[in-house]
Amino acid sequence: MHEPAFKQEAYVAFVLIPLSFYLGSTWVEISLLSGSVIFVLTVELLNTGLESAIDRVGPQWHDLSKRCKDLGSAAVLLSILLCMGIWLTALFLKITQFV
């Protein structure tokens, strides 16, 4: 895989997935935390596939090609925001539990 974004997300996943076992108290919490990270990687792979297919069709600019790539990028952004929301909520609850 030559996508820099996927590599960065994979490095973050390498840290967050083991951390989910520490942060989560139940199997539901652990699966939600680790699953949100895996969801980001999955959406990034789908976005890469879309972009590769669009680039395969031809190098010329087309409005539909741009829209497809933009929607794929928006899907990645939404998955990252969802993951961040889940992790920040879990961290907040863990921190306030000790206070």
PDB file of N, CA and C in Angstrom:
ATOM      1  N   MET A   1       0.852  -1.170   0.000  1.00  0.00           N
ATOM      2  CA  MET A   1       0.000   0.000   0.000  1.00  0.00           C
ATOM      3  C   MET A   1       0.897   1.231   0.000  1.00  0.00           C
ATOM      4  N   HIS A   2       0.659   2.117  -0.940  1.00  0.00           N
ATOM      5  CA  HIS A   2       1.505   3.299  -1.092  1.00  0.00           C
ATOM      6  C   HIS A   2       0.821   4.578  -0.640  1.00  0.00           C
ATOM      7  N   GLU A   3      -0.345   4.449  -0.020  1.00  0.00           N
ATOM      8  CA  GLU A   3      -1.094   5.620   0.424  1.00  0.00           C
ATOM      9  C   GLU A   3      -0.525   6.136   1.747  1.00  0.00           C
ATOM     10  N   PRO A   4      -0.020   7.371   1.770  1.00  0.00           N
ATOM     11  CA  PRO A   4       0.509   7.915   3.034  1.00  0.00           C
ATOM     12  C   PRO A   4      -0.563   8.027   4.123  1.00  0.00           C
ATOM     13  N   ALA A   5      -1.787   8.379   3.735  1.00  0.00           N
ATOM     14  CA  ALA A   5      -2.854   8.516   4.736  1.00  0.00           C
ATOM     15  C   ALA A   5      -3.127   7.176   5.416  1.00  0.00           C
ATOM     16  N   PHE A   6      -3.156   6.097   4.650  1.00  0.00           N
ATOM     17  CA  PHE A   6      -3.405   4.782   5.241  1.00  0.00           C
ATOM     18  C   PHE A   6      -2.262   4.387   6.173  1.00  0.00           C
ATOM     19  N   LYS A   7      -1.044   4.684   5.784  1.00  0.00           N
ATOM     20  CA  LYS A   7       0.096   4.357   6.643  1.00  0.00           C
ATOM     21  C   LYS A   7       0.010   5.099   7.966  1.00  0.00           C
ATOM     22  N   GLN A   8      -0.344   6.385   7.914  1.00  0.00           N
ATOM     23  CA  GLN A   8      -0.480   7.165   9.144  1.00  0.00           C
ATOM     24  C   GLN A   8      -1.581   6.600  10.022  1.00  0.00           C
ATOM     25  N   GLU A   9      -2.702   6.261   9.420  1.00  0.00           N
ATOM     26  CA  GLU A   9      -3.810   5.705  10.188  1.00  0.00           C
ATOM     27  C   GLU A   9      -3.461   4.334  10.747  1.00  0.00           C
ATOM     28  N   ALA A  10      -2.681   3.563  10.012  1.00  0.00           N
ATOM     29  CA  ALA A  10      -2.258   2.252  10.505  1.00  0.00           C
ATOM     30  C   ALA A  10      -1.322   2.395  11.708  1.00  0.00           C
ATOM     31  N   TYR A  11      -0.450   3.394  11.679  1.00  0.00           N
ATOM     32  CA  TYR A  11       0.434   3.631  12.825  1.00  0.00           C
ATOM     33  C   TYR A  11      -0.385   4.010  14.061  1.00  0.00           C
ATOM     34  N   VAL A  12      -1.391   4.863  13.867  1.00  0.00           N
ATOM     35  CA  VAL A  12      -2.254   5.254  14.983  1.00  0.00           C
ATOM     36  C   VAL A  12      -3.029   4.033  15.492  1.00  0.00           C
ATOM     37  N   ALA A  13      -3.504   3.196  14.570  1.00  0.00           N
ATOM     38  CA  ALA A  13      -4.242   1.981  14.960  1.00  0.00           C
ATOM     39  C   ALA A  13      -3.352   1.034  15.758  1.00  0.00           C
ATOM     40  N   PHE A  14      -2.075   0.983  15.407  1.00  0.00           N
ATOM     41  CA  PHE A  14      -1.123   0.129  16.107  1.00  0.00           C
ATOM     42  C   PHE A  14      -1.030   0.512  17.585  1.00  0.00           C
ATOM     43  N   VAL A  15      -1.266   1.782  17.897  1.00  0.00           N
ATOM     44  CA  VAL A  15      -1.245   2.255  19.284  1.00  0.00           C
ATOM     45  C   VAL A  15      -2.634   2.144  19.922  1.00  0.00           C
ATOM     46  N   LEU A  16      -3.672   2.551  19.176  1.00  0.00           N
ATOM     47  CA  LEU A  16      -5.006   2.649  19.766  1.00  0.00           C
ATOM     48  C   LEU A  16      -5.673   1.299  20.034  1.00  0.00           C
ATOM     49  N   ILE A  17      -5.463   0.339  19.169  1.00  0.00           N
ATOM     50  CA  ILE A  17      -6.137  -0.945  19.376  1.00  0.00           C
ATOM     51  C   ILE A  17      -5.674  -1.623  20.672  1.00  0.00           C
ATOM     52  N   PRO A  18      -4.373  -1.718  20.947  1.00  0.00           N
ATOM     53  CA  PRO A  18      -3.989  -2.265  22.259  1.00  0.00           C
ATOM     54  C   PRO A  18      -4.463  -1.388  23.424  1.00  0.00           C
ATOM     55  N   LEU A  19      -4.484  -0.061  23.216  1.00  0.00           N
ATOM     56  CA  LEU A  19      -4.939   0.849  24.256  1.00  0.00           C
ATOM     57  C   LEU A  19      -6.417   0.655  24.568  1.00  0.00           C
ATOM     58  N   SER A  20      -7.176   0.197  23.584  1.00  0.00           N
ATOM     59  CA  SER A  20      -8.609  -0.025  23.811  1.00  0.00           C
ATOM     60  C   SER A  20      -8.841  -1.115  24.860  1.00  0.00           C
ATOM     61  N   PHE A  21      -7.926  -2.052  24.983  1.00  0.00           N
ATOM     62  CA  PHE A  21      -8.060  -3.104  25.996  1.00  0.00           C
ATOM     63  C   PHE A  21      -7.813  -2.563  27.409  1.00  0.00           C
ATOM     64  N   TYR A  22      -7.012  -1.519  27.502  1.00  0.00           N
ATOM     65  CA  TYR A  22      -6.791  -0.869  28.796  1.00  0.00           C
ATOM     66  C   TYR A  22      -7.935   0.078  29.131  1.00  0.00           C
ATOM     67  N   LEU A  23      -8.380   0.829  28.153  1.00  0.00           N
ATOM     68  CA  LEU A  23      -9.386   1.861  28.388  1.00  0.00           C
ATOM     69  C   LEU A  23     -10.785   1.283  28.562  1.00  0.00           C
ATOM     70  N   GLY A  24     -11.093   0.229  27.815  1.00  0.00           N
ATOM     71  CA  GLY A  24     -12.422  -0.357  27.904  1.00  0.00           C
ATOM     72  C   GLY A  24     -12.571  -1.265  29.111  1.00  0.00           C
ATOM     73  N   SER A  25     -13.743  -1.195  29.741  1.00  0.00           N
ATOM     74  CA  SER A  25     -13.994  -2.030  30.924  1.00  0.00           C
ATOM     75  C   SER A  25     -14.716  -3.326  30.568  1.00  0.00           C
ATOM     76  N   THR A  26     -15.569  -3.260  29.543  1.00  0.00           N
ATOM     77  CA  THR A  26     -16.337  -4.431  29.132  1.00  0.00           C
ATOM     78  C   THR A  26     -15.998  -4.756  27.680  1.00  0.00           C
ATOM     79  N   TRP A  27     -16.462  -5.918  27.227  1.00  0.00           N
ATOM     80  CA  TRP A  27     -16.185  -6.293  25.841  1.00  0.00           C
ATOM     81  C   TRP A  27     -16.876  -5.352  24.869  1.00  0.00           C
ATOM     82  N   VAL A  28     -17.995  -4.764  25.278  1.00  0.00           N
ATOM     83  CA  VAL A  28     -18.691  -3.814  24.405  1.00  0.00           C
ATOM     84  C   VAL A  28     -17.853  -2.550  24.236  1.00  0.00           C
ATOM     85  N   GLU A  29     -17.299  -2.044  25.315  1.00  0.00           N
ATOM     86  CA  GLU A  29     -16.462  -0.854  25.236  1.00  0.00           C
ATOM     87  C   GLU A  29     -15.202  -1.118  24.423  1.00  0.00           C
ATOM     88  N   ILE A  30     -14.584  -2.257  24.661  1.00  0.00           N
ATOM     89  CA  ILE A  30     -13.363  -2.607  23.915  1.00  0.00           C
ATOM     90  C   ILE A  30     -13.662  -2.740  22.428  1.00  0.00           C
ATOM     91  N   SER A  31     -14.750  -3.399  22.094  1.00  0.00           N
ATOM     92  CA  SER A  31     -15.077  -3.584  20.683  1.00  0.00           C
ATOM     93  C   SER A  31     -15.482  -2.272  20.020  1.00  0.00           C
ATOM     94  N   LEU A  32     -16.127  -1.383  20.766  1.00  0.00           N
ATOM     95  CA  LEU A  32     -16.484  -0.079  20.213  1.00  0.00           C
ATOM     96  C   LEU A  32     -15.237   0.760  19.962  1.00  0.00           C
ATOM     97  N   LEU A  33     -14.331   0.759  20.901  1.00  0.00           N
ATOM     98  CA  LEU A  33     -13.094   1.532  20.737  1.00  0.00           C
ATOM     99  C   LEU A  33     -12.236   0.980  19.596  1.00  0.00           C
ATOM    100  N   SER A  34     -11.975  -0.310  19.619  1.00  0.00           N
ATOM    101  CA  SER A  34     -11.134  -0.892  18.566  1.00  0.00           C
ATOM    102  C   SER A  34     -11.878  -0.936  17.230  1.00  0.00           C
ATOM    103  N   GLY A  35     -13.186  -1.167  17.267  1.00  0.00           N
ATOM    104  CA  GLY A  35     -13.965  -1.211  16.039  1.00  0.00           C
ATOM    105  C   GLY A  35     -14.013   0.125  15.329  1.00  0.00           C
ATOM    106  N   SER A  36     -14.042   1.221  16.091  1.00  0.00           N
ATOM    107  CA  SER A  36     -14.052   2.537  15.448  1.00  0.00           C
ATOM    108  C   SER A  36     -12.738   2.803  14.723  1.00  0.00           C
ATOM    109  N   VAL A  37     -11.643   2.301  15.262  1.00  0.00           N
ATOM    110  CA  VAL A  37     -10.340   2.456  14.608  1.00  0.00           C
ATOM    111  C   VAL A  37     -10.292   1.603  13.332  1.00  0.00           C
ATOM    112  N   ILE A  38     -10.775   0.386  13.427  1.00  0.00           N
ATOM    113  CA  ILE A  38     -10.799  -0.491  12.254  1.00  0.00           C
ATOM    114  C   ILE A  38     -11.741   0.067  11.191  1.00  0.00           C
ATOM    115  N   PHE A  39     -12.817   0.718  11.620  1.00  0.00           N
ATOM    116  CA  PHE A  39     -13.746   1.348  10.679  1.00  0.00           C
ATOM    117  C   PHE A  39     -13.047   2.443   9.871  1.00  0.00           C
ATOM    118  N   VAL A  40     -12.207   3.237  10.514  1.00  0.00           N
ATOM    119  CA  VAL A  40     -11.448   4.278   9.807  1.00  0.00           C
ATOM    120  C   VAL A  40     -10.552   3.646   8.741  1.00  0.00           C
ATOM    121  N   LEU A  41      -9.866   2.570   9.111  1.00  0.00           N
ATOM    122  CA  LEU A  41      -8.990   1.893   8.144  1.00  0.00           C
ATOM    123  C   LEU A  41      -9.792   1.326   6.979  1.00  0.00           C
ATOM    124  N   THR A  42     -10.956   0.781   7.265  1.00  0.00           N
ATOM    125  CA  THR A  42     -11.803   0.207   6.215  1.00  0.00           C
ATOM    126  C   THR A  42     -12.277   1.284   5.249  1.00  0.00           C
ATOM    127  N   VAL A  43     -12.742   2.402   5.774  1.00  0.00           N
ATOM    128  CA  VAL A  43     -13.215   3.489   4.918  1.00  0.00           C
ATOM    129  C   VAL A  43     -12.054   4.053   4.098  1.00  0.00           C
ATOM    130  N   GLU A  44     -10.884   4.145   4.684  1.00  0.00           N
ATOM    131  CA  GLU A  44      -9.711   4.626   3.936  1.00  0.00           C
ATOM    132  C   GLU A  44      -9.370   3.679   2.790  1.00  0.00           C
ATOM    133  N   LEU A  45      -9.458   2.381   3.025  1.00  0.00           N
ATOM    134  CA  LEU A  45      -9.207   1.416   1.951  1.00  0.00           C
ATOM    135  C   LEU A  45     -10.237   1.554   0.832  1.00  0.00           C
ATOM    136  N   LEU A  46     -11.503   1.735   1.194  1.00  0.00           N
ATOM    137  CA  LEU A  46     -12.539   1.927   0.182  1.00  0.00           C
ATOM    138  C   LEU A  46     -12.312   3.220  -0.599  1.00  0.00           C
ATOM    139  N   ASN A  47     -11.906   4.269   0.088  1.00  0.00           N
ATOM    140  CA  ASN A  47     -11.610   5.531  -0.585  1.00  0.00           C
ATOM    141  C   ASN A  47     -10.439   5.376  -1.549  1.00  0.00           C
ATOM    142  N   THR A  48      -9.423   4.652  -1.138  1.00  0.00           N
ATOM    143  CA  THR A  48      -8.279   4.408  -2.011  1.00  0.00           C
ATOM    144  C   THR A  48      -8.702   3.622  -3.241  1.00  0.00           C
ATOM    145  N   GLY A  49      -9.565   2.642  -3.058  1.00  0.00           N
ATOM    146  CA  GLY A  49     -10.079   1.880  -4.194  1.00  0.00           C
ATOM    147  C   GLY A  49     -10.863   2.750  -5.156  1.00  0.00           C
ATOM    148  N   LEU A  50     -11.708   3.620  -4.613  1.00  0.00           N
ATOM    149  CA  LEU A  50     -12.465   4.547  -5.460  1.00  0.00           C
ATOM    150  C   LEU A  50     -11.534   5.454  -6.255  1.00  0.00           C
ATOM    151  N   GLU A  51     -10.561   6.027  -5.581  1.00  0.00           N
ATOM    152  CA  GLU A  51      -9.637   6.931  -6.257  1.00  0.00           C
ATOM    153  C   GLU A  51      -8.834   6.201  -7.319  1.00  0.00           C
ATOM    154  N   SER A  52      -8.432   4.981  -7.028  1.00  0.00           N
ATOM    155  CA  SER A  52      -7.679   4.204  -8.013  1.00  0.00           C
ATOM    156  C   SER A  52      -8.533   3.885  -9.241  1.00  0.00           C
ATOM    157  N   ALA A  53      -9.789   3.538  -9.012  1.00  0.00           N
ATOM    158  CA  ALA A  53     -10.682   3.239 -10.129  1.00  0.00           C
ATOM    159  C   ALA A  53     -10.922   4.480 -10.981  1.00  0.00           C
ATOM    160  N   ILE A  54     -11.110   5.612 -10.344  1.00  0.00           N
ATOM    161  CA  ILE A  54     -11.317   6.868 -11.081  1.00  0.00           C
ATOM    162  C   ILE A  54     -10.067   7.217 -11.879  1.00  0.00           C
ATOM    163  N   ASP A  55      -8.896   7.064 -11.281  1.00  0.00           N
ATOM    164  CA  ASP A  55      -7.645   7.361 -11.981  1.00  0.00           C
ATOM    165  C   ASP A  55      -7.405   6.388 -13.133  1.00  0.00           C
ATOM    166  N   ARG A  56      -7.887   5.178 -12.983  1.00  0.00           N
ATOM    167  CA  ARG A  56      -7.727   4.161 -14.044  1.00  0.00           C
ATOM    168  C   ARG A  56      -8.529   4.526 -15.285  1.00  0.00           C
ATOM    169  N   VAL A  57      -9.693   5.144 -15.077  1.00  0.00           N
ATOM    170  CA  VAL A  57     -10.553   5.512 -16.205  1.00  0.00           C
ATOM    171  C   VAL A  57      -9.847   6.502 -17.123  1.00  0.00           C
ATOM    172  N   GLY A  58      -9.149   7.458 -16.532  1.00  0.00           N
ATOM    173  CA  GLY A  58      -8.418   8.418 -17.360  1.00  0.00           C
ATOM    174  C   GLY A  58      -7.926   9.588 -16.538  1.00  0.00           C
ATOM    175  N   PRO A  59      -6.874  10.251 -17.026  1.00  0.00           N
ATOM    176  CA  PRO A  59      -6.282  11.355 -16.274  1.00  0.00           C
ATOM    177  C   PRO A  59      -7.025  12.680 -16.467  1.00  0.00           C
ATOM    178  N   GLN A  60      -7.924  12.741 -17.442  1.00  0.00           N
ATOM    179  CA  GLN A  60      -8.609  14.001 -17.708  1.00  0.00           C
ATOM    180  C   GLN A  60      -9.547  14.356 -16.555  1.00  0.00           C
ATOM    181  N   TRP A  61      -9.748  15.671 -16.368  1.00  0.00           N
ATOM    182  CA  TRP A  61     -10.603  16.155 -15.301  1.00  0.00           C
ATOM    183  C   TRP A  61     -12.054  15.993 -15.707  1.00  0.00           C
ATOM    184  N   HIS A  62     -12.876  15.539 -14.783  1.00  0.00           N
ATOM    185  CA  HIS A  62     -14.313  15.427 -15.024  1.00  0.00           C
ATOM    186  C   HIS A  62     -15.033  15.733 -13.719  1.00  0.00           C
ATOM    187  N   ASP A  63     -16.170  16.418 -13.822  1.00  0.00           N
ATOM    188  CA  ASP A  63     -16.914  16.819 -12.631  1.00  0.00           C
ATOM    189  C   ASP A  63     -17.357  15.619 -11.793  1.00  0.00           C
ATOM    190  N   LEU A  64     -17.797  14.537 -12.436  1.00  0.00           N
ATOM    191  CA  LEU A  64     -18.231  13.350 -11.694  1.00  0.00           C
ATOM    192  C   LEU A  64     -17.056  12.656 -11.003  1.00  0.00           C
ATOM    193  N   SER A  65     -15.896  12.667 -11.649  1.00  0.00           N
ATOM    194  CA  SER A  65     -14.704  12.088 -11.016  1.00  0.00           C
ATOM    195  C   SER A  65     -14.334  12.879  -9.770  1.00  0.00           C
ATOM    196  N   LYS A  66     -14.377  14.199  -9.883  1.00  0.00           N
ATOM    197  CA  LYS A  66     -14.069  15.047  -8.729  1.00  0.00           C
ATOM    198  C   LYS A  66     -15.061  14.805  -7.609  1.00  0.00           C
ATOM    199  N   ARG A  67     -16.334  14.708  -7.950  1.00  0.00           N
ATOM    200  CA  ARG A  67     -17.362  14.480  -6.934  1.00  0.00           C
ATOM    201  C   ARG A  67     -17.152  13.140  -6.233  1.00  0.00           C
ATOM    202  N   CYS A  68     -16.814  12.115  -6.996  1.00  0.00           N
ATOM    203  CA  CYS A  68     -16.587  10.792  -6.410  1.00  0.00           C
ATOM    204  C   CYS A  68     -15.422  10.830  -5.427  1.00  0.00           C
ATOM    205  N   LYS A  69     -14.330  11.475  -5.829  1.00  0.00           N
ATOM    206  CA  LYS A  69     -13.170  11.568  -4.945  1.00  0.00           C
ATOM    207  C   LYS A  69     -13.478  12.404  -3.708  1.00  0.00           C
ATOM    208  N   ASP A  70     -14.224  13.495  -3.889  1.00  0.00           N
ATOM    209  CA  ASP A  70     -14.590  14.335  -2.752  1.00  0.00           C
ATOM    210  C   ASP A  70     -15.482  13.593  -1.763  1.00  0.00           C
ATOM    211  N   LEU A  71     -16.433  12.811  -2.285  1.00  0.00           N
ATOM    212  CA  LEU A  71     -17.318  12.052  -1.401  1.00  0.00           C
ATOM    213  C   LEU A  71     -16.555  10.964  -0.646  1.00  0.00           C
ATOM    214  N   GLY A  72     -15.593  10.336  -1.304  1.00  0.00           N
ATOM    215  CA  GLY A  72     -14.761   9.344  -0.620  1.00  0.00           C
ATOM    216  C   GLY A  72     -13.950   9.970   0.498  1.00  0.00           C
ATOM    217  N   SER A  73     -13.404  11.153   0.231  1.00  0.00           N
ATOM    218  CA  SER A  73     -12.640  11.864   1.262  1.00  0.00           C
ATOM    219  C   SER A  73     -13.539  12.306   2.410  1.00  0.00           C
ATOM    220  N   ALA A  74     -14.757  12.726   2.081  1.00  0.00           N
ATOM    221  CA  ALA A  74     -15.707  13.115   3.130  1.00  0.00           C
ATOM    222  C   ALA A  74     -16.064  11.919   4.009  1.00  0.00           C
ATOM    223  N   ALA A  75     -16.181  10.747   3.407  1.00  0.00           N
ATOM    224  CA  ALA A  75     -16.476   9.535   4.184  1.00  0.00           C
ATOM    225  C   ALA A  75     -15.336   9.232   5.154  1.00  0.00           C
ATOM    226  N   VAL A  76     -14.109   9.412   4.705  1.00  0.00           N
ATOM    227  CA  VAL A  76     -12.957   9.204   5.591  1.00  0.00           C
ATOM    228  C   VAL A  76     -12.994  10.210   6.740  1.00  0.00           C
ATOM    229  N   LEU A  77     -13.271  11.467   6.420  1.00  0.00           N
ATOM    230  CA  LEU A  77     -13.345  12.495   7.461  1.00  0.00           C
ATOM    231  C   LEU A  77     -14.416  12.155   8.493  1.00  0.00           C
ATOM    232  N   LEU A  78     -15.588  11.749   8.038  1.00  0.00           N
ATOM    233  CA  LEU A  78     -16.663  11.401   8.972  1.00  0.00           C
ATOM    234  C   LEU A  78     -16.289  10.212   9.848  1.00  0.00           C
ATOM    235  N   SER A  79     -15.610   9.222   9.273  1.00  0.00           N
ATOM    236  CA  SER A  79     -15.205   8.067  10.072  1.00  0.00           C
ATOM    237  C   SER A  79     -14.165   8.470  11.119  1.00  0.00           C
ATOM    238  N   ILE A  80     -13.278   9.389  10.771  1.00  0.00           N
ATOM    239  CA  ILE A  80     -12.281   9.869  11.736  1.00  0.00           C
ATOM    240  C   ILE A  80     -12.959  10.668  12.846  1.00  0.00           C
ATOM    241  N   LEU A  81     -13.928  11.508  12.486  1.00  0.00           N
ATOM    242  CA  LEU A  81     -14.650  12.277  13.501  1.00  0.00           C
ATOM    243  C   LEU A  81     -15.427  11.358  14.447  1.00  0.00           C
ATOM    244  N   LEU A  82     -16.038  10.319  13.898  1.00  0.00           N
ATOM    245  CA  LEU A  82     -16.741   9.345  14.732  1.00  0.00           C
ATOM    246  C   LEU A  82     -15.769   8.659  15.693  1.00  0.00           C
ATOM    247  N   CYS A  83     -14.645   8.239  15.173  1.00  0.00           N
ATOM    248  CA  CYS A  83     -13.628   7.574  15.997  1.00  0.00           C
ATOM    249  C   CYS A  83     -13.129   8.514  17.102  1.00  0.00           C
ATOM    250  N   MET A  84     -12.866   9.753  16.735  1.00  0.00           N
ATOM    251  CA  MET A  84     -12.401  10.727  17.734  1.00  0.00           C
ATOM    252  C   MET A  84     -13.460  10.959  18.807  1.00  0.00           C
ATOM    253  N   GLY A  85     -14.723  11.046  18.410  1.00  0.00           N
ATOM    254  CA  GLY A  85     -15.792  11.240  19.379  1.00  0.00           C
ATOM    255  C   GLY A  85     -15.895  10.089  20.361  1.00  0.00           C
ATOM    256  N   ILE A  86     -15.776   8.877  19.849  1.00  0.00           N
ATOM    257  CA  ILE A  86     -15.833   7.694  20.713  1.00  0.00           C
ATOM    258  C   ILE A  86     -14.658   7.680  21.679  1.00  0.00           C
ATOM    259  N   TRP A  87     -13.460   7.924  21.169  1.00  0.00           N
ATOM    260  CA  TRP A  87     -12.268   7.877  22.011  1.00  0.00           C
ATOM    261  C   TRP A  87     -12.241   9.010  23.031  1.00  0.00           C
ATOM    262  N   LEU A  88     -12.627  10.217  22.616  1.00  0.00           N
ATOM    263  CA  LEU A  88     -12.630  11.339  23.561  1.00  0.00           C
ATOM    264  C   LEU A  88     -13.662  11.131  24.664  1.00  0.00           C
ATOM    265  N   THR A  89     -14.806  10.586  24.309  1.00  0.00           N
ATOM    266  CA  THR A  89     -15.824  10.289  25.320  1.00  0.00           C
ATOM    267  C   THR A  89     -15.318   9.235  26.302  1.00  0.00           C
ATOM    268  N   ALA A  90     -14.689   8.193  25.777  1.00  0.00           N
ATOM    269  CA  ALA A  90     -14.156   7.139  26.646  1.00  0.00           C
ATOM    270  C   ALA A  90     -13.066   7.689  27.567  1.00  0.00           C
ATOM    271  N   LEU A  91     -12.187   8.524  27.022  1.00  0.00           N
ATOM    272  CA  LEU A  91     -11.132   9.119  27.845  1.00  0.00           C
ATOM    273  C   LEU A  91     -11.719  10.038  28.912  1.00  0.00           C
ATOM    274  N   PHE A  92     -12.706  10.839  28.535  1.00  0.00           N
ATOM    275  CA  PHE A  92     -13.352  11.729  29.486  1.00  0.00           C
ATOM    276  C   PHE A  92     -13.988  10.938  30.628  1.00  0.00           C
ATOM    277  N   LEU A  93     -14.696   9.876  30.286  1.00  0.00           N
ATOM    278  CA  LEU A  93     -15.331   9.060  31.316  1.00  0.00           C
ATOM    279  C   LEU A  93     -14.309   8.375  32.211  1.00  0.00           C
ATOM    280  N   LYS A  94     -13.198   7.949  31.631  1.00  0.00           N
ATOM    281  CA  LYS A  94     -12.160   7.286  32.407  1.00  0.00           C
ATOM    282  C   LYS A  94     -11.493   8.284  33.361  1.00  0.00           C
ATOM    283  N   ILE A  95     -11.257   9.502  32.882  1.00  0.00           N
ATOM    284  CA  ILE A  95     -10.608  10.530  33.717  1.00  0.00           C
ATOM    285  C   ILE A  95     -11.534  10.979  34.840  1.00  0.00           C
ATOM    286  N   THR A  96     -12.805  11.220  34.516  1.00  0.00           N
ATOM    287  CA  THR A  96     -13.734  11.684  35.542  1.00  0.00           C
ATOM    288  C   THR A  96     -14.079  10.592  36.549  1.00  0.00           C
ATOM    289  N   GLN A  97     -13.859   9.354  36.182  1.00  0.00           N
ATOM    290  CA  GLN A  97     -14.108   8.241  37.097  1.00  0.00           C
ATOM    291  C   GLN A  97     -13.114   8.271  38.257  1.00  0.00           C
ATOM    292  N   PHE A  98     -11.899   8.759  37.996  1.00  0.00           N
ATOM    293  CA  PHE A  98     -10.876   8.801  39.032  1.00  0.00           C
ATOM    294  C   PHE A  98     -10.996  10.018  39.929  1.00  0.00           C
ATOM    295  N   VAL A  99     -11.760  11.016  39.522  1.00  0.00           N
ATOM    296  CA  VAL A  99     -11.860  12.252  40.312  1.00  0.00           C
ATOM    297  C   VAL A  99     -12.831  12.092  41.448  1.00  0.00           C
TER     298      VAL A  99
END
